[in-house]
Amino acid sequence: MAEGSEGEKNRTMKRLLLIINCLLLAVGTAGGPLVMRLYFLRGGNRVWLSSFLQTAGFPFMLLPLAVSYFRRRAAAAAERTAKPSPVSMKTPLLAASVFIGVITGLDDYLYAYGVARLPVSTSVLIIASQLGFTALFAFLLVGQKFTSYSVNAVVLLTAGAGVLALHTKGDRPHGESMKDYVMGFVMTAIAAALYGLVLPLVELVYKKTKQPITYSLVMEIQLVMSFSATLFCFIGMIINNDFKVIPREAKTFKHGEVNYYAVLVGTAIIWQAFFLGAVGVIFCASSLFSGVLIAVLLPITEVLAVIFYKEKFQAEKGVSLFLSLWGMVSYLYGEIKHEKKMKKEKSSDMEATATAMSELGND
């Protein structure tokens, strides 16, 4: 009875963590591209700086990690066990996190390059194709099983991004060359593919590590990944002389110097919420679910971009959005059906076991 109560408590805690991480992911997915695009629209033009900001908010992770450590320390004192180490990550896990972090840094640069040249409403629809890559790599790396609904969702979301590629002239920003626009489109597509690899890689690390995966360890992994990605982009900023240009850029920013730095800080905070939410959802569910949730939230960003930035919403964007929404509904419906089926099978197995035990007792 006690074991059943403990198991129910753990399931409830995991659901709560899932909800919290879904909210973090929602804030990052909807707000990140908008704040990032604001920087470029109002006079910013440093791609390496913009990519750096996507993970530069990692010091904020130290606060929840400190709280987690002191809670573990208090619990150890109450149980009179050995004092826990402030860092629980072992060397193999650290190396894997650094490697994924460097890939994330490269992905940040590709994505920032695209956001600098494309309207938000276009870039987010291209990013929706990320789900297809996430599904492919999840199948190859972690043996993700597919239903007809999840396959249908991946096809529709990928097709939605393909529709945009058929008509690339309609929303080219004023004064931007066709070459820059196409390069932005290509870079964003590559960024979608690369982040589609990152999510299953994180799940693979969770599965292969010999350490027990706790949420505290998940935060440590995210801290190391973000630090590595930030360092990668920091080196790019040094090579590109971004630090010399930032003060001049701040003075010419259309909303003023103070707002320039506010946009930079806001970008770092919002994107950190995105990355923590993404790895947290993988911990609580799966990399594919994390990819689907990102895709589900992208239409919100699409609508907000049209409202706040007065971006054009042509017919092909409408078709792409429709296909994306259709794919998301298909996936969620399939997941609900699959979960009901699993519960039914589990209930049948428990009944069969109880019947067999009863028959053995009678014998």
Protein backbone atom coordinates (compact mmCIF):
# COMPACT_ATOMS: atom_id res chain seq x y z
CA MET A 1 0.00 0.00 0.00
CA ALA A 2 2.87 2.34 0.91
CA GLU A 3 4.64 1.50 -2.37
CA GLY A 4 1.47 2.32 -4.32
CA SER A 5 1.13 5.66 -2.50
CA GLU A 6 4.80 6.49 -3.20
CA GLY A 7 4.38 5.58 -6.87
CA GLU A 8 1.30 7.79 -7.17
CA LYS A 9 3.19 10.65 -5.50
CA ASN A 10 6.06 10.30 -8.01
CA ARG A 11 3.62 10.27 -10.94
CA THR A 12 1.91 13.40 -9.62
CA MET A 13 5.27 15.15 -9.20
CA LYS A 14 6.28 14.20 -12.74
CA ARG A 15 2.99 15.55 -14.13
CA LEU A 16 3.56 18.81 -12.24
CA LEU A 17 7.10 19.05 -13.63
CA LEU A 18 5.75 18.36 -17.11
CA ILE A 19 3.22 21.19 -16.80
CA ILE A 20 5.88 23.62 -15.52
CA ASN A 21 8.27 22.73 -18.35
CA CYS A 22 5.49 22.97 -20.93
CA LEU A 23 4.80 26.51 -19.68
CA LEU A 24 8.49 27.41 -19.89
CA LEU A 25 8.64 25.98 -23.40
CA ALA A 26 5.50 27.94 -24.36
CA VAL A 27 7.00 31.24 -23.17
CA GLY A 28 10.27 30.57 -25.01
CA THR A 29 8.71 29.31 -28.25
CA ALA A 30 6.20 32.16 -28.55
CA GLY A 31 8.35 34.98 -27.19
CA GLY A 32 11.89 34.11 -28.28
CA PRO A 33 11.54 34.70 -32.05
CA LEU A 34 9.53 37.90 -31.50
CA VAL A 35 12.08 39.56 -29.18
CA MET A 36 14.92 38.33 -31.37
CA ARG A 37 13.32 39.81 -34.51
CA LEU A 38 12.68 43.09 -32.66
CA TYR A 39 16.44 43.49 -32.24
CA PHE A 40 16.99 43.24 -36.01
CA LEU A 41 13.97 45.37 -36.96
CA ARG A 42 15.02 48.30 -34.78
CA GLY A 43 18.62 48.61 -35.90
CA GLY A 44 20.55 45.58 -34.63
CA ASN A 45 22.50 43.52 -37.15
CA ARG A 46 24.96 41.33 -35.20
CA VAL A 47 24.12 37.68 -35.89
CA TRP A 48 26.77 36.27 -33.54
CA LEU A 49 25.50 38.49 -30.70
CA SER A 50 21.95 37.32 -31.33
CA SER A 51 23.03 33.66 -31.33
CA PHE A 52 25.05 34.25 -28.15
CA LEU A 53 21.97 35.62 -26.36
CA GLN A 54 19.97 32.45 -27.03
CA THR A 55 21.92 30.59 -24.32
CA ALA A 56 23.61 33.45 -22.41
CA GLY A 57 20.88 33.29 -19.74
CA PHE A 58 22.39 30.11 -18.28
CA PRO A 59 23.53 31.82 -15.00
CA PHE A 60 19.83 32.03 -14.04
CA MET A 61 19.98 28.22 -13.73
CA LEU A 62 22.24 28.56 -10.69
CA LEU A 63 19.33 29.71 -8.49
CA PRO A 64 17.08 26.61 -8.90
CA LEU A 65 20.19 24.41 -8.74
CA ALA A 66 21.19 26.01 -5.42
CA VAL A 67 17.66 25.50 -4.05
CA SER A 68 17.75 21.85 -5.16
CA TYR A 69 21.14 21.31 -3.53
CA PHE A 70 20.11 22.77 -0.17
CA ARG A 71 16.94 20.65 -0.20
CA ARG A 72 19.00 17.50 -0.84
CA ARG A 73 21.43 18.56 1.86
CA ALA A 74 18.61 19.07 4.40
CA ALA A 75 17.11 15.69 3.51
CA ALA A 76 20.50 14.00 3.95
CA ALA A 77 20.94 15.67 7.36
CA ALA A 78 17.48 14.52 8.46
CA GLU A 79 18.22 10.94 7.38
CA ARG A 80 21.79 11.15 8.78
CA THR A 81 23.34 10.12 5.47
CA ALA A 82 26.41 11.46 3.66
CA LYS A 83 26.28 15.09 2.55
CA PRO A 84 25.46 15.29 -1.20
CA SER A 85 27.90 16.81 -3.67
CA PRO A 86 26.91 20.22 -5.15
CA VAL A 87 27.62 18.76 -8.61
CA SER A 88 26.18 15.33 -9.33
CA MET A 89 27.23 15.12 -13.01
CA LYS A 90 29.95 12.57 -13.79
CA THR A 91 32.65 12.95 -16.45
CA PRO A 92 31.00 10.94 -19.32
CA LEU A 93 27.75 12.87 -18.89
CA LEU A 94 29.67 16.15 -18.72
CA ALA A 95 31.48 15.35 -22.00
CA ALA A 96 28.21 14.42 -23.73
CA SER A 97 26.57 17.65 -22.52
CA VAL A 98 29.48 19.75 -23.78
CA PHE A 99 29.28 18.05 -27.21
CA ILE A 100 25.53 18.67 -27.51
CA GLY A 101 26.08 22.22 -26.29
CA VAL A 102 28.52 22.97 -29.12
CA ILE A 103 25.99 21.62 -31.65
CA THR A 104 23.38 23.85 -30.03
CA GLY A 105 25.70 26.85 -30.40
CA LEU A 106 26.06 26.17 -34.12
CA ASP A 107 22.29 25.77 -34.40
CA ASP A 108 21.81 29.10 -32.58
CA TYR A 109 23.96 30.85 -35.18
CA LEU A 110 22.08 29.31 -38.11
CA TYR A 111 18.74 30.23 -36.58
CA ALA A 112 19.83 33.81 -35.77
CA TYR A 113 21.04 34.19 -39.35
CA GLY A 114 17.60 33.21 -40.60
CA VAL A 115 15.70 35.44 -38.14
CA ALA A 116 17.84 38.40 -39.26
CA ARG A 117 16.61 37.98 -42.84
CA LEU A 118 13.12 36.49 -42.64
CA PRO A 119 9.81 37.69 -41.21
CA VAL A 120 8.94 35.82 -37.99
CA SER A 121 5.79 34.40 -39.58
CA THR A 122 7.94 32.75 -42.26
CA SER A 123 10.79 31.51 -40.06
CA VAL A 124 8.47 29.84 -37.53
CA LEU A 125 6.69 27.90 -40.26
CA ILE A 126 10.04 26.67 -41.59
CA ILE A 127 11.01 25.66 -38.05
CA ALA A 128 7.82 23.56 -37.90
CA SER A 129 9.62 21.10 -40.21
CA GLN A 130 11.88 20.40 -37.22
CA LEU A 131 9.33 17.86 -36.03
CA GLY A 132 10.04 15.69 -39.06
CA PHE A 133 13.75 15.67 -38.28
CA THR A 134 13.08 15.06 -34.58
CA ALA A 135 10.92 12.06 -35.47
CA LEU A 136 13.56 10.65 -37.85
CA PHE A 137 16.44 11.01 -35.38
CA ALA A 138 14.27 9.78 -32.48
CA PHE A 139 13.58 6.63 -34.50
CA LEU A 140 17.27 6.14 -35.34
CA LEU A 141 18.78 7.03 -31.97
CA VAL A 142 16.27 6.06 -29.28
CA GLY A 143 13.98 3.62 -31.07
CA GLN A 144 10.92 5.91 -30.95
CA LYS A 145 7.82 3.95 -31.97
CA PHE A 146 5.38 5.52 -34.41
CA THR A 147 1.64 5.27 -34.89
CA SER A 148 -0.19 6.13 -38.11
CA TYR A 149 -1.21 9.40 -36.44
CA SER A 150 2.34 10.47 -35.58
CA VAL A 151 3.52 9.60 -39.11
CA ASN A 152 0.65 11.63 -40.53
CA ALA A 153 1.58 14.56 -38.27
CA VAL A 154 5.22 14.51 -39.36
CA VAL A 155 4.28 14.41 -43.06
CA LEU A 156 1.80 17.28 -42.73
CA LEU A 157 4.16 19.51 -40.72
CA THR A 158 6.99 18.90 -43.16
CA ALA A 159 4.68 19.56 -46.12
CA GLY A 160 3.60 22.80 -44.46
CA ALA A 161 7.18 24.06 -44.49
CA GLY A 162 7.55 22.85 -48.10
CA VAL A 163 4.61 24.98 -49.23
CA LEU A 164 6.52 28.10 -48.14
CA ALA A 165 9.53 27.07 -50.21
CA LEU A 166 7.41 27.13 -53.37
CA HIS A 167 6.76 30.84 -53.03
CA THR A 168 9.68 32.72 -51.52
CA LYS A 169 9.26 36.23 -53.01
CA GLY A 170 5.98 37.31 -51.45
CA ASP A 171 7.20 38.37 -48.02
CA ARG A 172 10.80 39.43 -48.69
CA PRO A 173 11.54 42.40 -46.37
CA HIS A 174 11.91 45.78 -48.05
CA GLY A 175 15.47 46.51 -49.14
CA GLU A 176 16.70 42.93 -48.77
CA SER A 177 18.29 41.16 -51.74
CA MET A 178 16.86 37.89 -53.04
CA LYS A 179 20.19 36.21 -52.30
CA ASP A 180 20.06 37.21 -48.60
CA TYR A 181 16.43 36.13 -48.36
CA VAL A 182 17.14 32.68 -49.85
CA MET A 183 20.20 32.28 -47.62
CA GLY A 184 18.01 33.08 -44.60
CA PHE A 185 15.49 30.46 -45.76
CA VAL A 186 18.19 27.81 -46.22
CA MET A 187 19.93 28.59 -42.92
CA THR A 188 16.63 28.35 -41.02
CA ALA A 189 15.85 24.99 -42.64
CA ILE A 190 19.30 23.67 -41.66
CA ALA A 191 18.75 25.01 -38.11
CA ALA A 192 15.45 23.10 -37.95
CA ALA A 193 17.21 19.89 -39.02
CA LEU A 194 20.06 20.39 -36.53
CA TYR A 195 17.77 21.06 -33.56
CA GLY A 196 15.75 18.05 -34.68
CA LEU A 197 18.96 16.09 -33.96
CA VAL A 198 19.65 17.82 -30.62
CA LEU A 199 16.39 16.75 -28.94
CA PRO A 200 16.86 12.98 -29.55
CA LEU A 201 20.54 13.30 -28.60
CA VAL A 202 19.47 14.66 -25.21
CA GLU A 203 17.03 11.76 -24.80
CA LEU A 204 19.79 9.32 -25.81
CA VAL A 205 22.06 10.78 -23.12
CA TYR A 206 19.29 10.28 -20.56
CA LYS A 207 18.91 6.65 -21.60
CA LYS A 208 22.60 5.76 -21.84
CA THR A 209 23.96 7.47 -18.75
CA LYS A 210 24.66 5.20 -15.80
CA GLN A 211 23.52 7.90 -13.37
CA PRO A 212 19.94 8.12 -12.07
CA ILE A 213 18.30 10.99 -13.98
CA THR A 214 16.69 13.46 -11.59
CA TYR A 215 15.30 16.89 -12.43
CA SER A 216 18.25 18.44 -10.61
CA LEU A 217 20.60 16.56 -12.94
CA VAL A 218 18.50 17.69 -15.93
CA MET A 219 19.13 21.30 -14.87
CA GLU A 220 22.86 20.60 -14.57
CA ILE A 221 22.87 19.13 -18.09
CA GLN A 222 21.07 22.21 -19.40
CA LEU A 223 23.55 24.49 -17.60
CA VAL A 224 26.55 22.76 -19.19
CA MET A 225 24.90 22.66 -22.63
CA SER A 226 24.04 26.37 -22.46
CA PHE A 227 27.52 27.31 -21.21
CA SER A 228 29.15 25.35 -24.07
CA ALA A 229 26.83 26.89 -26.68
CA THR A 230 27.43 30.37 -25.24
CA LEU A 231 31.21 29.88 -25.29
CA PHE A 232 31.01 28.75 -28.94
CA CYS A 233 29.10 31.92 -29.88
CA PHE A 234 31.32 34.09 -27.66
CA ILE A 235 34.34 33.01 -29.73
CA GLY A 236 32.36 33.90 -32.87
CA MET A 237 31.64 37.35 -31.42
CA ILE A 238 35.34 37.94 -30.73
CA ILE A 239 36.32 36.94 -34.28
CA ASN A 240 33.54 39.14 -35.71
CA ASN A 241 34.48 42.15 -33.48
CA ASP A 242 30.94 42.33 -32.07
CA PHE A 243 32.06 43.69 -28.68
CA LYS A 244 33.49 46.82 -30.32
CA VAL A 245 30.29 47.45 -32.26
CA ILE A 246 27.72 46.90 -29.45
CA PRO A 247 28.11 50.40 -27.82
CA ARG A 248 27.73 52.12 -31.22
CA GLU A 249 24.76 49.94 -32.10
CA ALA A 250 23.07 50.77 -28.78
CA LYS A 251 23.30 54.52 -29.48
CA THR A 252 21.63 54.18 -32.90
CA PHE A 253 18.90 51.72 -31.74
CA LYS A 254 15.48 53.11 -32.72
CA HIS A 255 13.97 52.60 -29.25
CA GLY A 256 16.92 54.14 -27.40
CA GLU A 257 20.04 52.88 -25.68
CA VAL A 258 18.33 51.66 -22.48
CA ASN A 259 15.75 49.69 -24.44
CA TYR A 260 18.54 48.21 -26.56
CA TYR A 261 20.09 46.55 -23.52
CA ALA A 262 16.63 45.62 -22.20
CA VAL A 263 15.96 43.75 -25.45
CA LEU A 264 19.28 41.90 -25.13
CA VAL A 265 18.59 40.84 -21.53
CA GLY A 266 14.98 39.91 -22.33
CA THR A 267 16.15 37.78 -25.25
CA ALA A 268 18.56 35.86 -23.00
CA ILE A 269 15.92 35.20 -20.32
CA ILE A 270 13.17 34.10 -22.71
CA TRP A 271 15.41 31.75 -24.68
CA GLN A 272 16.73 30.18 -21.47
CA ALA A 273 13.11 29.38 -20.58
CA PHE A 274 12.80 27.69 -23.98
CA PHE A 275 15.87 25.47 -23.60
CA LEU A 276 15.13 24.48 -20.01
CA GLY A 277 11.53 23.71 -20.97
CA ALA A 278 12.67 21.59 -23.93
CA VAL A 279 15.04 19.35 -21.95
CA GLY A 280 12.55 19.20 -19.08
CA VAL A 281 9.78 17.94 -21.36
CA ILE A 282 12.18 15.29 -22.71
CA PHE A 283 12.86 14.20 -19.11
CA CYS A 284 9.13 14.00 -18.28
CA ALA A 285 7.95 12.59 -21.64
CA SER A 286 10.11 12.18 -24.78
CA SER A 287 12.08 14.10 -27.40
CA LEU A 288 9.28 13.57 -29.92
CA PHE A 289 6.72 15.06 -27.55
CA SER A 290 9.03 18.04 -26.98
CA GLY A 291 9.30 18.50 -30.75
CA VAL A 292 5.52 18.24 -31.16
CA LEU A 293 4.88 20.77 -28.42
CA ILE A 294 7.24 23.24 -30.09
CA ALA A 295 5.37 22.71 -33.36
CA VAL A 296 2.01 23.14 -31.59
CA LEU A 297 3.12 26.50 -30.18
CA LEU A 298 4.54 27.92 -33.42
CA PRO A 299 1.15 29.08 -34.80
CA ILE A 300 0.82 31.31 -31.72
CA THR A 301 4.11 32.98 -32.67
CA GLU A 302 2.84 33.24 -36.25
CA VAL A 303 -0.30 35.12 -35.17
CA LEU A 304 1.60 37.39 -32.76
CA ALA A 305 4.09 38.33 -35.50
CA VAL A 306 1.27 39.33 -37.85
CA ILE A 307 -0.37 41.41 -35.07
CA PHE A 308 2.70 43.18 -33.64
CA TYR A 309 4.94 43.47 -36.70
CA LYS A 310 2.20 43.84 -39.34
CA GLU A 311 3.76 41.05 -41.39
CA LYS A 312 2.06 39.91 -44.58
CA PHE A 313 -0.04 36.77 -44.39
CA GLN A 314 -0.28 35.40 -47.92
CA ALA A 315 -2.25 32.38 -49.11
CA GLU A 316 0.73 30.00 -48.90
CA LYS A 317 1.23 30.93 -45.24
CA GLY A 318 -2.42 30.14 -44.61
CA VAL A 319 -2.03 26.73 -46.29
CA SER A 320 1.16 26.06 -44.33
CA LEU A 321 -0.51 27.03 -41.05
CA PHE A 322 -3.51 24.82 -41.84
CA LEU A 323 -1.28 21.82 -42.57
CA SER A 324 0.69 22.45 -39.37
CA LEU A 325 -2.46 22.62 -37.23
CA TRP A 326 -3.86 19.52 -38.91
CA GLY A 327 -0.63 17.65 -38.19
CA MET A 328 -0.61 18.73 -34.55
CA VAL A 329 -4.23 17.67 -33.98
CA SER A 330 -3.46 14.33 -35.65
CA TYR A 331 -0.52 13.70 -33.34
CA LEU A 332 -2.35 14.67 -30.15
CA TYR A 333 -5.39 12.55 -31.08
CA GLY A 334 -3.10 9.58 -31.76
CA GLU A 335 -1.33 10.03 -28.43
CA ILE A 336 -4.63 10.12 -26.53
CA LYS A 337 -5.81 6.94 -28.30
CA HIS A 338 -2.47 5.22 -27.64
CA GLU A 339 -2.56 6.14 -23.95
CA LYS A 340 -6.12 4.80 -23.57
CA LYS A 341 -5.08 1.57 -25.31
CA MET A 342 -2.06 1.15 -23.02
CA LYS A 343 -4.20 1.72 -19.91
CA LYS A 344 -6.73 -0.83 -21.14
CA GLU A 345 -3.99 -3.41 -21.83
CA LYS A 346 -2.41 -2.76 -18.42
CA SER A 347 -5.78 -3.18 -16.72
CA SER A 348 -6.38 -6.46 -18.61
CA ASP A 349 -2.93 -7.76 -17.62
CA MET A 350 -3.57 -6.92 -13.96
CA GLU A 351 -6.94 -8.69 -14.06
CA ALA A 352 -5.35 -11.75 -15.70
CA THR A 353 -2.61 -11.81 -13.06
CA ALA A 354 -5.15 -11.49 -10.24
CA THR A 355 -7.23 -14.35 -11.73
CA ALA A 356 -4.16 -16.58 -12.06
CA MET A 357 -3.14 -15.88 -8.45
CA SER A 358 -6.63 -16.63 -7.28
CA GLU A 359 -6.65 -19.96 -9.14
CA LEU A 360 -3.27 -20.90 -7.66
CA GLY A 361 -4.60 -20.09 -4.19
CA ASN A 362 -7.62 -22.31 -4.72
CA ASP A 363 -5.40 -25.18 -5.84
